[in-house]
N, C-alpha and C. Protein backbone atom coordinates (compact mmCIF):
# COMPACT_ATOMS: atom_id res chain seq x y z
N UNK A 1 18.71 -7.79 1.32
CA UNK A 1 17.52 -7.00 1.20
C UNK A 1 16.32 -7.94 1.35
N UNK A 2 15.39 -7.54 2.21
CA UNK A 2 14.24 -8.39 2.52
C UNK A 2 12.96 -7.58 2.51
N UNK A 3 11.84 -8.29 2.37
CA UNK A 3 10.54 -7.67 2.57
C UNK A 3 10.36 -7.53 4.07
N UNK A 4 9.99 -6.33 4.52
CA UNK A 4 10.04 -6.03 5.95
C UNK A 4 8.72 -6.20 6.69
N UNK A 5 7.60 -6.29 5.95
CA UNK A 5 6.32 -6.43 6.64
C UNK A 5 5.30 -7.12 5.74
N UNK A 6 4.19 -7.50 6.32
CA UNK A 6 3.13 -8.12 5.56
C UNK A 6 3.30 -9.63 5.42
N UNK A 7 2.50 -10.23 4.53
CA UNK A 7 2.49 -11.69 4.45
C UNK A 7 3.75 -12.28 3.81
N UNK A 8 4.55 -11.46 3.15
CA UNK A 8 5.82 -11.93 2.58
C UNK A 8 7.02 -11.54 3.45
N UNK A 9 6.75 -11.06 4.66
CA UNK A 9 7.82 -10.59 5.55
C UNK A 9 8.94 -11.62 5.66
N UNK A 10 10.17 -11.11 5.51
CA UNK A 10 11.35 -11.96 5.65
C UNK A 10 11.84 -12.57 4.35
N UNK A 11 11.02 -12.54 3.29
CA UNK A 11 11.44 -13.10 2.01
C UNK A 11 12.54 -12.23 1.42
N UNK A 12 13.55 -12.87 0.86
CA UNK A 12 14.69 -12.14 0.31
C UNK A 12 14.38 -11.66 -1.11
N UNK A 13 14.83 -10.45 -1.39
CA UNK A 13 14.71 -9.86 -2.72
C UNK A 13 16.10 -9.81 -3.33
N UNK A 14 16.24 -10.44 -4.47
CA UNK A 14 17.53 -10.43 -5.16
C UNK A 14 17.51 -9.36 -6.24
N UNK A 15 18.65 -9.14 -6.85
CA UNK A 15 18.74 -8.22 -7.97
C UNK A 15 19.49 -6.94 -7.68
N UNK A 16 19.86 -6.73 -6.43
CA UNK A 16 20.57 -5.49 -6.09
C UNK A 16 21.94 -5.41 -6.75
N UNK A 17 22.45 -6.56 -7.19
CA UNK A 17 23.77 -6.58 -7.84
C UNK A 17 23.68 -6.27 -9.34
N UNK A 18 22.49 -6.16 -9.88
CA UNK A 18 22.32 -5.84 -11.31
C UNK A 18 22.76 -4.40 -11.54
N UNK A 19 23.63 -4.22 -12.54
CA UNK A 19 24.14 -2.89 -12.85
C UNK A 19 22.99 -1.93 -13.13
N UNK A 20 23.04 -0.78 -12.49
CA UNK A 20 22.02 0.24 -12.70
C UNK A 20 20.94 0.26 -11.63
N UNK A 21 20.89 -0.77 -10.77
CA UNK A 21 19.88 -0.75 -9.71
C UNK A 21 20.42 0.00 -8.50
N UNK A 22 19.51 0.61 -7.79
CA UNK A 22 19.82 1.35 -6.58
C UNK A 22 18.64 1.14 -5.63
N UNK A 23 18.55 -0.07 -5.07
CA UNK A 23 17.36 -0.37 -4.27
C UNK A 23 17.24 0.50 -3.02
N UNK A 24 16.01 0.81 -2.68
CA UNK A 24 15.71 1.55 -1.45
C UNK A 24 16.13 0.69 -0.27
N UNK A 25 16.95 1.22 0.59
CA UNK A 25 17.46 0.47 1.73
C UNK A 25 16.33 0.17 2.72
N UNK A 26 16.48 -0.93 3.45
CA UNK A 26 15.43 -1.40 4.36
C UNK A 26 15.01 -0.33 5.37
N UNK A 27 15.96 0.43 5.90
CA UNK A 27 15.66 1.46 6.90
C UNK A 27 14.74 2.53 6.30
N UNK A 28 15.05 2.95 5.07
CA UNK A 28 14.25 3.96 4.39
C UNK A 28 12.88 3.38 4.03
N UNK A 29 12.88 2.15 3.52
CA UNK A 29 11.64 1.49 3.12
C UNK A 29 10.71 1.33 4.33
N UNK A 30 11.27 0.94 5.47
CA UNK A 30 10.46 0.77 6.67
C UNK A 30 9.79 2.07 7.07
N UNK A 31 10.54 3.16 7.04
CA UNK A 31 9.99 4.47 7.38
C UNK A 31 8.92 4.90 6.38
N UNK A 32 9.20 4.70 5.09
CA UNK A 32 8.26 5.05 4.04
C UNK A 32 6.95 4.29 4.19
N UNK A 33 7.02 2.98 4.40
CA UNK A 33 5.80 2.19 4.50
C UNK A 33 5.04 2.46 5.79
N UNK A 34 5.72 2.94 6.81
CA UNK A 34 5.01 3.36 8.03
C UNK A 34 4.14 4.58 7.72
N UNK A 35 4.63 5.44 6.82
CA UNK A 35 3.88 6.64 6.44
C UNK A 35 2.67 6.29 5.58
N UNK A 36 2.82 5.35 4.64
CA UNK A 36 1.75 5.08 3.66
C UNK A 36 0.94 3.82 3.95
N UNK A 37 1.19 3.16 5.07
CA UNK A 37 0.56 1.85 5.33
C UNK A 37 -0.95 1.87 5.25
N UNK A 38 -1.59 2.96 5.58
CA UNK A 38 -3.06 3.03 5.52
C UNK A 38 -3.57 3.29 4.11
N UNK A 39 -2.66 3.53 3.17
CA UNK A 39 -3.04 3.82 1.79
C UNK A 39 -2.83 2.64 0.85
N UNK A 40 -2.45 1.47 1.35
CA UNK A 40 -2.04 0.36 0.49
C UNK A 40 -3.12 -0.69 0.25
N UNK A 41 -3.88 -1.05 1.25
CA UNK A 41 -4.82 -2.17 1.17
C UNK A 41 -5.77 -2.02 -0.02
N UNK A 42 -5.80 -3.08 -0.86
CA UNK A 42 -6.69 -3.17 -2.01
C UNK A 42 -6.46 -2.08 -3.07
N UNK A 43 -5.27 -1.51 -3.11
CA UNK A 43 -4.96 -0.44 -4.05
C UNK A 43 -4.24 -0.95 -5.28
N UNK A 44 -4.29 -0.15 -6.33
CA UNK A 44 -3.58 -0.42 -7.58
C UNK A 44 -2.30 0.40 -7.56
N UNK A 45 -1.17 -0.30 -7.71
CA UNK A 45 0.14 0.30 -7.51
C UNK A 45 0.96 0.21 -8.80
N UNK A 46 1.77 1.24 -9.04
CA UNK A 46 2.74 1.23 -10.13
C UNK A 46 4.13 1.45 -9.57
N UNK A 47 5.04 0.54 -9.86
CA UNK A 47 6.46 0.71 -9.55
C UNK A 47 7.12 0.97 -10.90
N UNK A 48 7.21 2.25 -11.29
CA UNK A 48 7.54 2.63 -12.66
C UNK A 48 8.98 2.34 -13.06
N UNK A 49 9.91 2.58 -12.17
CA UNK A 49 11.33 2.27 -12.40
C UNK A 49 11.68 1.17 -11.41
N UNK A 50 11.15 -0.01 -11.59
CA UNK A 50 11.10 -1.04 -10.55
C UNK A 50 12.47 -1.53 -10.07
N UNK A 51 13.44 -1.65 -10.94
CA UNK A 51 14.75 -2.17 -10.52
C UNK A 51 14.60 -3.58 -9.95
N UNK A 52 14.80 -3.73 -8.66
CA UNK A 52 14.66 -5.02 -8.00
C UNK A 52 13.20 -5.37 -7.71
N UNK A 53 12.31 -4.39 -7.79
CA UNK A 53 10.91 -4.61 -7.44
C UNK A 53 10.65 -4.43 -5.96
N UNK A 54 11.66 -3.97 -5.25
CA UNK A 54 11.64 -3.82 -3.80
C UNK A 54 10.36 -3.14 -3.29
N UNK A 55 10.03 -1.98 -3.82
CA UNK A 55 8.87 -1.23 -3.32
C UNK A 55 7.55 -1.89 -3.72
N UNK A 56 7.49 -2.39 -4.93
CA UNK A 56 6.27 -3.08 -5.37
C UNK A 56 5.99 -4.34 -4.58
N UNK A 57 7.04 -5.13 -4.31
CA UNK A 57 6.86 -6.34 -3.51
C UNK A 57 6.39 -6.00 -2.10
N UNK A 58 6.93 -4.95 -1.54
CA UNK A 58 6.51 -4.52 -0.20
C UNK A 58 5.04 -4.12 -0.22
N UNK A 59 4.61 -3.43 -1.28
CA UNK A 59 3.20 -3.02 -1.40
C UNK A 59 2.29 -4.24 -1.49
N UNK A 60 2.65 -5.21 -2.32
CA UNK A 60 1.85 -6.43 -2.43
C UNK A 60 1.80 -7.14 -1.09
N UNK A 61 2.92 -7.25 -0.42
CA UNK A 61 2.98 -7.91 0.89
C UNK A 61 2.07 -7.25 1.91
N UNK A 62 1.84 -5.95 1.73
CA UNK A 62 0.99 -5.20 2.65
C UNK A 62 -0.43 -5.01 2.15
N UNK A 63 -0.85 -5.80 1.16
CA UNK A 63 -2.26 -5.83 0.80
C UNK A 63 -2.65 -5.13 -0.48
N UNK A 64 -1.70 -4.65 -1.29
CA UNK A 64 -2.07 -4.04 -2.57
C UNK A 64 -2.82 -5.06 -3.42
N UNK A 65 -3.82 -4.59 -4.12
CA UNK A 65 -4.62 -5.46 -5.00
C UNK A 65 -3.76 -5.98 -6.15
N UNK A 66 -3.01 -5.08 -6.77
CA UNK A 66 -2.11 -5.44 -7.87
C UNK A 66 -0.99 -4.41 -7.94
N UNK A 67 0.18 -4.86 -8.37
CA UNK A 67 1.28 -3.95 -8.64
C UNK A 67 1.75 -4.19 -10.06
N UNK A 68 1.84 -3.12 -10.80
CA UNK A 68 2.44 -3.15 -12.13
C UNK A 68 3.90 -2.75 -11.97
N UNK A 69 4.79 -3.66 -12.33
CA UNK A 69 6.22 -3.40 -12.28
C UNK A 69 6.68 -3.04 -13.68
N UNK A 70 7.50 -2.01 -13.81
CA UNK A 70 8.08 -1.68 -15.11
C UNK A 70 9.55 -1.32 -14.94
N UNK A 71 10.36 -1.83 -15.84
CA UNK A 71 11.76 -1.42 -15.89
C UNK A 71 12.26 -1.62 -17.31
N UNK A 72 13.15 -0.76 -17.75
CA UNK A 72 13.71 -0.87 -19.09
C UNK A 72 14.82 -1.92 -19.15
N UNK A 73 15.38 -2.27 -18.00
CA UNK A 73 16.47 -3.24 -17.92
C UNK A 73 15.90 -4.66 -17.93
N UNK A 74 16.18 -5.42 -18.98
CA UNK A 74 15.61 -6.76 -19.11
C UNK A 74 16.10 -7.71 -18.01
N UNK A 75 17.29 -7.50 -17.48
CA UNK A 75 17.77 -8.33 -16.37
C UNK A 75 16.93 -8.10 -15.12
N UNK A 76 16.58 -6.85 -14.88
CA UNK A 76 15.70 -6.54 -13.74
C UNK A 76 14.33 -7.19 -13.93
N UNK A 77 13.80 -7.10 -15.12
CA UNK A 77 12.48 -7.67 -15.42
C UNK A 77 12.48 -9.18 -15.21
N UNK A 78 13.51 -9.85 -15.70
CA UNK A 78 13.62 -11.31 -15.50
C UNK A 78 13.69 -11.66 -14.02
N UNK A 79 14.44 -10.87 -13.26
CA UNK A 79 14.55 -11.11 -11.82
C UNK A 79 13.20 -10.91 -11.12
N UNK A 80 12.48 -9.86 -11.48
CA UNK A 80 11.17 -9.59 -10.89
C UNK A 80 10.20 -10.74 -11.21
N UNK A 81 10.20 -11.19 -12.46
CA UNK A 81 9.32 -12.29 -12.85
C UNK A 81 9.65 -13.56 -12.06
N UNK A 82 10.93 -13.82 -11.85
CA UNK A 82 11.34 -14.99 -11.08
C UNK A 82 10.85 -14.89 -9.64
N UNK A 83 10.98 -13.70 -9.05
CA UNK A 83 10.53 -13.51 -7.67
C UNK A 83 9.00 -13.62 -7.55
N UNK A 84 8.28 -13.14 -8.54
CA UNK A 84 6.81 -13.26 -8.54
C UNK A 84 6.43 -14.74 -8.49
N UNK A 85 7.08 -15.54 -9.29
CA UNK A 85 6.84 -16.99 -9.29
C UNK A 85 7.20 -17.59 -7.93
N UNK A 86 8.37 -17.22 -7.43
CA UNK A 86 8.85 -17.76 -6.15
C UNK A 86 7.92 -17.39 -5.00
N UNK A 87 7.37 -16.18 -5.03
CA UNK A 87 6.50 -15.70 -3.96
C UNK A 87 5.03 -16.12 -4.18
N UNK A 88 4.72 -16.74 -5.32
CA UNK A 88 3.36 -17.17 -5.65
C UNK A 88 2.36 -16.01 -5.63
N UNK A 89 2.73 -14.92 -6.31
CA UNK A 89 1.87 -13.74 -6.35
C UNK A 89 1.53 -13.35 -7.78
N UNK A 90 1.43 -14.32 -8.66
CA UNK A 90 1.16 -14.07 -10.08
C UNK A 90 -0.12 -13.26 -10.30
N UNK A 91 -1.13 -13.47 -9.48
CA UNK A 91 -2.41 -12.78 -9.65
C UNK A 91 -2.34 -11.31 -9.22
N UNK A 92 -1.31 -10.97 -8.49
CA UNK A 92 -1.19 -9.61 -7.94
C UNK A 92 -0.11 -8.79 -8.63
N UNK A 93 0.49 -9.32 -9.69
CA UNK A 93 1.61 -8.63 -10.31
C UNK A 93 1.57 -8.73 -11.82
N UNK A 94 1.95 -7.63 -12.46
CA UNK A 94 2.14 -7.61 -13.90
C UNK A 94 3.45 -6.89 -14.18
N UNK A 95 4.24 -7.43 -15.09
CA UNK A 95 5.57 -6.90 -15.34
C UNK A 95 5.70 -6.46 -16.80
N UNK A 96 6.31 -5.29 -16.97
CA UNK A 96 6.56 -4.77 -18.32
C UNK A 96 8.03 -4.38 -18.45
N UNK A 97 8.55 -4.52 -19.66
CA UNK A 97 9.94 -4.20 -19.96
C UNK A 97 9.96 -3.07 -21.00
N UNK A 98 9.61 -1.86 -20.54
CA UNK A 98 9.47 -0.72 -21.45
C UNK A 98 10.18 0.52 -20.90
N UNK A 99 10.48 1.43 -21.79
CA UNK A 99 10.86 2.77 -21.38
C UNK A 99 9.68 3.35 -20.59
N UNK A 100 9.97 4.15 -19.58
CA UNK A 100 8.89 4.64 -18.71
C UNK A 100 7.80 5.38 -19.48
N UNK A 101 8.17 6.15 -20.49
CA UNK A 101 7.19 6.91 -21.27
C UNK A 101 6.26 5.97 -22.03
N UNK A 102 6.83 4.92 -22.62
CA UNK A 102 6.00 3.94 -23.34
C UNK A 102 5.09 3.19 -22.36
N UNK A 103 5.60 2.92 -21.16
CA UNK A 103 4.77 2.26 -20.15
C UNK A 103 3.59 3.16 -19.77
N UNK A 104 3.85 4.44 -19.52
CA UNK A 104 2.77 5.36 -19.17
C UNK A 104 1.77 5.50 -20.31
N UNK A 105 2.28 5.54 -21.55
CA UNK A 105 1.37 5.60 -22.71
C UNK A 105 0.48 4.36 -22.77
N UNK A 106 1.05 3.21 -22.46
CA UNK A 106 0.27 1.96 -22.48
C UNK A 106 -0.84 1.99 -21.42
N UNK A 107 -0.53 2.49 -20.23
CA UNK A 107 -1.55 2.60 -19.18
C UNK A 107 -2.65 3.57 -19.60
N UNK A 108 -2.24 4.66 -20.24
CA UNK A 108 -3.22 5.63 -20.74
C UNK A 108 -4.14 4.97 -21.76
N UNK A 109 -3.58 4.23 -22.71
CA UNK A 109 -4.36 3.54 -23.73
C UNK A 109 -5.34 2.54 -23.11
N UNK A 110 -4.90 1.85 -22.07
CA UNK A 110 -5.74 0.84 -21.42
C UNK A 110 -6.66 1.43 -20.36
N UNK A 111 -6.58 2.76 -20.17
CA UNK A 111 -7.41 3.46 -19.19
C UNK A 111 -7.17 2.94 -17.77
N UNK A 112 -5.92 2.71 -17.44
CA UNK A 112 -5.55 2.26 -16.10
C UNK A 112 -4.99 3.45 -15.33
N UNK A 113 -5.53 3.67 -14.14
CA UNK A 113 -4.99 4.71 -13.26
C UNK A 113 -4.63 4.07 -11.92
N UNK A 114 -3.86 4.78 -11.14
CA UNK A 114 -3.23 4.19 -9.95
C UNK A 114 -3.58 4.94 -8.68
N UNK A 115 -3.55 4.17 -7.59
CA UNK A 115 -3.71 4.74 -6.25
C UNK A 115 -2.36 5.15 -5.69
N UNK A 116 -1.33 4.39 -6.04
CA UNK A 116 0.03 4.67 -5.56
C UNK A 116 1.00 4.49 -6.73
N UNK A 117 1.86 5.49 -6.92
CA UNK A 117 2.92 5.39 -7.93
C UNK A 117 4.26 5.60 -7.23
N UNK A 118 5.13 4.60 -7.35
CA UNK A 118 6.50 4.73 -6.86
C UNK A 118 7.33 5.25 -8.02
N UNK A 119 8.00 6.36 -7.79
CA UNK A 119 8.78 7.03 -8.82
C UNK A 119 10.22 7.17 -8.31
N UNK A 120 11.06 6.25 -8.73
CA UNK A 120 12.44 6.21 -8.26
C UNK A 120 13.38 5.98 -9.46
N UNK A 121 13.41 6.97 -10.39
CA UNK A 121 14.25 6.80 -11.57
C UNK A 121 15.73 6.97 -11.22
N UNK A 122 16.61 6.62 -12.15
CA UNK A 122 18.04 6.87 -11.90
C UNK A 122 18.24 8.34 -11.54
N UNK A 123 19.10 8.60 -10.57
CA UNK A 123 19.31 9.98 -10.13
C UNK A 123 19.79 10.88 -11.26
N UNK A 124 20.48 10.33 -12.23
CA UNK A 124 20.97 11.14 -13.36
C UNK A 124 19.83 11.58 -14.28
N UNK A 125 18.66 10.96 -14.13
CA UNK A 125 17.52 11.26 -14.98
C UNK A 125 17.03 12.70 -14.79
N UNK A 126 16.81 13.10 -13.55
CA UNK A 126 16.32 14.43 -13.19
C UNK A 126 15.08 14.83 -14.01
N UNK A 127 14.21 13.87 -14.26
CA UNK A 127 13.06 14.09 -15.12
C UNK A 127 11.74 13.95 -14.36
N UNK A 128 11.80 13.89 -13.04
CA UNK A 128 10.60 13.64 -12.24
C UNK A 128 9.51 14.68 -12.47
N UNK A 129 9.90 15.96 -12.61
CA UNK A 129 8.90 17.00 -12.84
C UNK A 129 8.07 16.69 -14.09
N UNK A 130 8.74 16.35 -15.17
CA UNK A 130 8.04 16.05 -16.43
C UNK A 130 7.21 14.77 -16.31
N UNK A 131 7.73 13.78 -15.63
CA UNK A 131 7.00 12.53 -15.46
C UNK A 131 5.72 12.78 -14.66
N UNK A 132 5.83 13.53 -13.59
CA UNK A 132 4.67 13.82 -12.76
C UNK A 132 3.65 14.66 -13.53
N UNK A 133 4.10 15.61 -14.32
CA UNK A 133 3.17 16.40 -15.13
C UNK A 133 2.46 15.51 -16.15
N UNK A 134 3.17 14.56 -16.74
CA UNK A 134 2.56 13.64 -17.69
C UNK A 134 1.50 12.78 -16.99
N UNK A 135 1.81 12.32 -15.79
CA UNK A 135 0.85 11.54 -15.01
C UNK A 135 -0.41 12.36 -14.76
N UNK A 136 -0.25 13.62 -14.38
CA UNK A 136 -1.38 14.50 -14.11
C UNK A 136 -2.19 14.77 -15.39
N UNK A 137 -1.51 15.13 -16.47
CA UNK A 137 -2.18 15.48 -17.72
C UNK A 137 -2.96 14.31 -18.31
N UNK A 138 -2.55 13.09 -17.99
CA UNK A 138 -3.19 11.90 -18.56
C UNK A 138 -4.03 11.12 -17.56
N UNK A 139 -4.33 11.75 -16.43
CA UNK A 139 -5.20 11.16 -15.41
C UNK A 139 -4.77 9.75 -15.00
N UNK A 140 -3.49 9.58 -14.76
CA UNK A 140 -2.97 8.27 -14.37
C UNK A 140 -2.93 8.06 -12.86
N UNK A 141 -3.22 9.12 -12.10
CA UNK A 141 -3.29 9.02 -10.64
C UNK A 141 -4.72 9.32 -10.21
N UNK A 142 -5.29 8.40 -9.45
CA UNK A 142 -6.66 8.58 -8.97
C UNK A 142 -6.73 9.68 -7.92
N UNK A 143 -7.92 10.26 -7.76
CA UNK A 143 -8.13 11.23 -6.69
C UNK A 143 -7.81 10.54 -5.36
N UNK A 144 -7.11 11.21 -4.49
CA UNK A 144 -6.60 10.73 -3.21
C UNK A 144 -5.42 9.76 -3.37
N UNK A 145 -4.97 9.58 -4.61
CA UNK A 145 -3.79 8.75 -4.86
C UNK A 145 -2.53 9.50 -4.47
N UNK A 146 -1.44 8.73 -4.31
CA UNK A 146 -0.17 9.33 -3.92
C UNK A 146 0.95 8.92 -4.89
N UNK A 147 1.90 9.83 -5.01
CA UNK A 147 3.14 9.56 -5.74
C UNK A 147 4.27 9.64 -4.73
N UNK A 148 5.07 8.59 -4.67
CA UNK A 148 6.21 8.53 -3.76
C UNK A 148 7.47 8.68 -4.61
N UNK A 149 8.20 9.78 -4.41
CA UNK A 149 9.41 10.05 -5.18
C UNK A 149 10.64 9.84 -4.30
N UNK A 150 11.65 9.21 -4.87
CA UNK A 150 12.95 9.12 -4.21
C UNK A 150 13.93 9.87 -5.09
N UNK A 151 14.53 10.92 -4.54
CA UNK A 151 15.41 11.79 -5.29
C UNK A 151 16.68 12.09 -4.49
N UNK A 152 17.72 12.56 -5.20
CA UNK A 152 18.97 12.85 -4.51
C UNK A 152 19.08 14.31 -4.06
N UNK A 153 18.25 15.19 -4.58
CA UNK A 153 18.18 16.56 -4.07
C UNK A 153 16.78 17.09 -4.35
N UNK A 154 16.47 18.23 -3.76
CA UNK A 154 15.10 18.74 -3.83
C UNK A 154 14.92 19.74 -4.97
N UNK A 155 15.01 19.25 -6.19
CA UNK A 155 14.82 20.08 -7.37
C UNK A 155 13.40 19.96 -7.90
N UNK A 156 12.56 19.17 -7.24
CA UNK A 156 11.18 18.98 -7.72
C UNK A 156 10.40 20.29 -7.62
N UNK A 157 9.62 20.56 -8.63
CA UNK A 157 8.80 21.76 -8.66
C UNK A 157 7.39 21.34 -9.09
N UNK A 158 6.67 20.75 -8.16
CA UNK A 158 5.37 20.16 -8.45
C UNK A 158 4.27 21.03 -7.84
N UNK A 159 3.38 21.52 -8.68
CA UNK A 159 2.28 22.35 -8.20
C UNK A 159 0.92 21.68 -8.41
N UNK A 160 0.89 20.59 -9.18
CA UNK A 160 -0.39 19.97 -9.51
C UNK A 160 -0.89 19.01 -8.42
N UNK A 161 -0.03 18.64 -7.50
CA UNK A 161 -0.39 17.77 -6.39
C UNK A 161 0.10 18.40 -5.09
N UNK A 162 -0.52 18.02 -4.00
CA UNK A 162 -0.14 18.55 -2.69
C UNK A 162 0.99 17.72 -2.09
N UNK A 163 2.05 18.39 -1.68
CA UNK A 163 3.15 17.70 -1.00
C UNK A 163 2.69 17.41 0.42
N UNK A 164 2.68 16.11 0.80
CA UNK A 164 2.23 15.76 2.14
C UNK A 164 3.37 15.32 3.05
N UNK A 165 4.53 15.02 2.46
CA UNK A 165 5.66 14.60 3.29
C UNK A 165 6.95 14.78 2.51
N UNK A 166 7.97 15.19 3.24
CA UNK A 166 9.31 15.30 2.67
C UNK A 166 10.28 14.95 3.78
N UNK A 167 11.14 13.97 3.52
CA UNK A 167 12.07 13.55 4.57
C UNK A 167 13.41 13.16 3.96
N UNK A 168 14.47 13.55 4.63
CA UNK A 168 15.83 13.25 4.17
C UNK A 168 16.33 11.99 4.87
N UNK A 169 16.92 11.09 4.09
CA UNK A 169 17.52 9.86 4.60
C UNK A 169 18.93 9.79 4.03
N UNK A 170 19.92 10.14 4.81
CA UNK A 170 21.29 10.12 4.32
C UNK A 170 21.44 11.05 3.14
N UNK A 171 21.77 10.50 1.97
CA UNK A 171 21.98 11.33 0.78
C UNK A 171 20.77 11.36 -0.16
N UNK A 172 19.60 10.93 0.31
CA UNK A 172 18.42 10.94 -0.54
C UNK A 172 17.22 11.51 0.21
N UNK A 173 16.22 11.88 -0.57
CA UNK A 173 14.97 12.41 -0.03
C UNK A 173 13.82 11.54 -0.51
N UNK A 174 12.85 11.38 0.36
CA UNK A 174 11.57 10.79 -0.02
C UNK A 174 10.56 11.94 0.03
N UNK A 175 9.87 12.15 -1.08
CA UNK A 175 8.86 13.19 -1.16
C UNK A 175 7.56 12.52 -1.60
N UNK A 176 6.48 12.80 -0.87
CA UNK A 176 5.19 12.19 -1.16
C UNK A 176 4.19 13.27 -1.54
N UNK A 177 3.54 13.07 -2.69
CA UNK A 177 2.51 13.98 -3.18
C UNK A 177 1.16 13.26 -3.19
N UNK A 178 0.12 14.05 -2.96
CA UNK A 178 -1.24 13.49 -2.97
C UNK A 178 -2.10 14.29 -3.94
N UNK A 179 -2.97 13.56 -4.64
CA UNK A 179 -3.90 14.21 -5.56
C UNK A 179 -5.20 14.49 -4.80
N UNK A 180 -5.39 15.75 -4.47
CA UNK A 180 -6.61 16.18 -3.79
C UNK A 180 -7.40 17.06 -4.72
N UNK A 181 -8.69 16.86 -4.78
CA UNK A 181 -9.55 17.73 -5.62
C UNK A 181 -10.03 18.90 -4.83
């Protein structure tokens, strides 16, 4: 698994062997970033269920101002921190080791909102609807911001944001929502 574009292009991302991770495959990631490439430069990004950090690292490589990585798995967090050091991107990354709800509460307390949120929880979670509603209710997504969801089936029922893209890749879907006023 590698970073596919930007100033970190070609750098290897480790951690896919950590139990519980399900990294977005390069083919899917390439297609996804082709869709959102104009929305990344100088933006504040959240990779909420970061796993390997694959999506967050790609965002930083493509010009994101900062990416907040969060994962409940301490092995994933240690791996992400090691890669941040290796890639020399300490100023562009912050890592947290929290349950997603506690992470969102912390952002709410600190009055931090995002331009891009990557939402790729374990498929068994099936909690994306509630997570997205919490994001909306607590103003964690900026106007014109996007949420990128990776899900295994189309059970999402989101009315608070506009769906701008939905695409099937093998056994998964990428669904992108935008906050329009």
